[in-house]
Amino acid sequence: MWIGLGIVLIIIGAVLNWALQVDVPGVTDGILGWILIVAGVAAVIFSFIAQAQRNRVHTTHENRNIDTTPR
């Protein structure tokens, strides 16, 4: 679920880091790009961890045959 967000953050961070020259007061564009890239990678990793935990849950079913014939 968070993989898409992570990929978008990585792309925006890469564009800010290597393609654009943006003047944001107090933060350089390279640092802002790296922050977004790291946040995107973290979102992708957390998505894989959540998916792995969802796959570990197993459900078991027990079927019992009850003999209802009279003796």
C-alpha atoms as a PDB file:
ATOM      1  CA  MET A   1       0.000   0.000   0.000  1.00  0.00           C
ATOM      2  CA  TRP A   2       2.822   2.404   0.837  1.00  0.00           C
ATOM      3  CA  ILE A   3       4.996   1.295  -2.074  1.00  0.00           C
ATOM      4  CA  GLY A   4       3.422   3.850  -4.416  1.00  0.00           C
ATOM      5  CA  LEU A   5       3.968   6.686  -1.968  1.00  0.00           C
ATOM      6  CA  GLY A   6       7.569   5.601  -1.471  1.00  0.00           C
ATOM      7  CA  ILE A   7       8.240   5.551  -5.200  1.00  0.00           C
ATOM      8  CA  VAL A   8       6.690   9.013  -5.629  1.00  0.00           C
ATOM      9  CA  LEU A   9       8.814  10.414  -2.791  1.00  0.00           C
ATOM     10  CA  ILE A  10      11.964   8.887  -4.285  1.00  0.00           C
ATOM     11  CA  ILE A  11      11.194  10.403  -7.696  1.00  0.00           C
ATOM     12  CA  ILE A  12      10.418  13.865  -6.287  1.00  0.00           C
ATOM     13  CA  GLY A  13      13.554  13.726  -4.144  1.00  0.00           C
ATOM     14  CA  ALA A  14      15.712  12.727  -7.118  1.00  0.00           C
ATOM     15  CA  VAL A  15      14.300  15.547  -9.231  1.00  0.00           C
ATOM     16  CA  LEU A  16      14.922  18.082  -6.452  1.00  0.00           C
ATOM     17  CA  ASN A  17      18.396  16.720  -5.814  1.00  0.00           C
ATOM     18  CA  TRP A  18      19.746  16.444  -9.353  1.00  0.00           C
ATOM     19  CA  ALA A  19      17.484  18.268 -11.828  1.00  0.00           C
ATOM     20  CA  LEU A  20      16.119  21.452 -10.258  1.00  0.00           C
ATOM     21  CA  GLN A  21      17.612  24.457  -8.570  1.00  0.00           C
ATOM     22  CA  VAL A  22      14.977  25.488  -6.023  1.00  0.00           C
ATOM     23  CA  ASP A  23      15.468  28.227  -3.450  1.00  0.00           C
ATOM     24  CA  VAL A  24      13.730  27.171  -0.232  1.00  0.00           C
ATOM     25  CA  PRO A  25      14.571  29.446   2.719  1.00  0.00           C
ATOM     26  CA  GLY A  26      16.571  27.611   5.375  1.00  0.00           C
ATOM     27  CA  VAL A  27      17.035  24.351   3.419  1.00  0.00           C
ATOM     28  CA  THR A  28      19.164  23.653   0.385  1.00  0.00           C
ATOM     29  CA  ASP A  29      17.532  21.828  -2.491  1.00  0.00           C
ATOM     30  CA  GLY A  30      20.045  18.965  -2.272  1.00  0.00           C
ATOM     31  CA  ILE A  31      19.250  18.304   1.387  1.00  0.00           C
ATOM     32  CA  LEU A  32      15.505  18.443   0.749  1.00  0.00           C
ATOM     33  CA  GLY A  33      15.944  15.962  -2.104  1.00  0.00           C
ATOM     34  CA  TRP A  34      17.907  13.543   0.075  1.00  0.00           C
ATOM     35  CA  ILE A  35      15.311  13.810   2.852  1.00  0.00           C
ATOM     36  CA  LEU A  36      12.559  12.858   0.397  1.00  0.00           C
ATOM     37  CA  ILE A  37      14.629  10.000  -1.031  1.00  0.00           C
ATOM     38  CA  VAL A  38      15.277   8.576   2.440  1.00  0.00           C
ATOM     39  CA  ALA A  39      11.588   8.944   3.364  1.00  0.00           C
ATOM     40  CA  GLY A  40      10.615   7.133   0.152  1.00  0.00           C
ATOM     41  CA  VAL A  41      13.017   4.268   0.800  1.00  0.00           C
ATOM     42  CA  ALA A  42      11.702   3.999   4.369  1.00  0.00           C
ATOM     43  CA  ALA A  43       8.097   3.851   3.109  1.00  0.00           C
ATOM     44  CA  VAL A  44       8.979   1.053   0.673  1.00  0.00           C
ATOM     45  CA  ILE A  45      10.834  -0.918   3.373  1.00  0.00           C
ATOM     46  CA  PHE A  46       7.982  -0.526   5.867  1.00  0.00           C
ATOM     47  CA  SER A  47       5.547  -1.680   3.184  1.00  0.00           C
ATOM     48  CA  PHE A  48       7.567  -4.862   2.623  1.00  0.00           C
ATOM     49  CA  ILE A  49       7.756  -5.490   6.380  1.00  0.00           C
ATOM     50  CA  ALA A  50       4.001  -5.064   6.775  1.00  0.00           C
ATOM     51  CA  GLN A  51       3.351  -7.415   3.854  1.00  0.00           C
ATOM     52  CA  ALA A  52       5.690 -10.042   5.331  1.00  0.00           C
ATOM     53  CA  GLN A  53       3.874  -9.893   8.666  1.00  0.00           C
ATOM     54  CA  ARG A  54       0.517 -10.277   6.928  1.00  0.00           C
ATOM     55  CA  ASN A  55       1.762 -13.388   5.145  1.00  0.00           C
ATOM     56  CA  ARG A  56       2.870 -15.042   8.401  1.00  0.00           C
ATOM     57  CA  VAL A  57      -0.655 -15.380   9.795  1.00  0.00           C
ATOM     58  CA  HIS A  58      -2.053 -18.836   9.090  1.00  0.00           C
ATOM     59  CA  THR A  59      -5.581 -20.029   9.641  1.00  0.00           C
ATOM     60  CA  THR A  60      -6.324 -23.663  10.350  1.00  0.00           C
ATOM     61  CA  HIS A  61      -9.644 -25.383   9.937  1.00  0.00           C
ATOM     62  CA  GLU A  62     -10.654 -28.513  11.765  1.00  0.00           C
ATOM     63  CA  ASN A  63     -13.340 -30.792  10.426  1.00  0.00           C
ATOM     64  CA  ARG A  64     -14.901 -33.297  12.797  1.00  0.00           C
ATOM     65  CA  ASN A  65     -17.078 -36.123  11.629  1.00  0.00           C
ATOM     66  CA  ILE A  66     -19.644 -37.009  14.249  1.00  0.00           C
ATOM     67  CA  ASP A  67     -21.214 -40.421  14.006  1.00  0.00           C
ATOM     68  CA  THR A  68     -24.964 -39.939  14.475  1.00  0.00           C
ATOM     69  CA  THR A  69     -26.054 -43.488  13.681  1.00  0.00           C
ATOM     70  CA  PRO A  70     -27.895 -45.253  16.513  1.00  0.00           C
ATOM     71  CA  ARG A  71     -26.184 -48.217  18.199  1.00  0.00           C
END
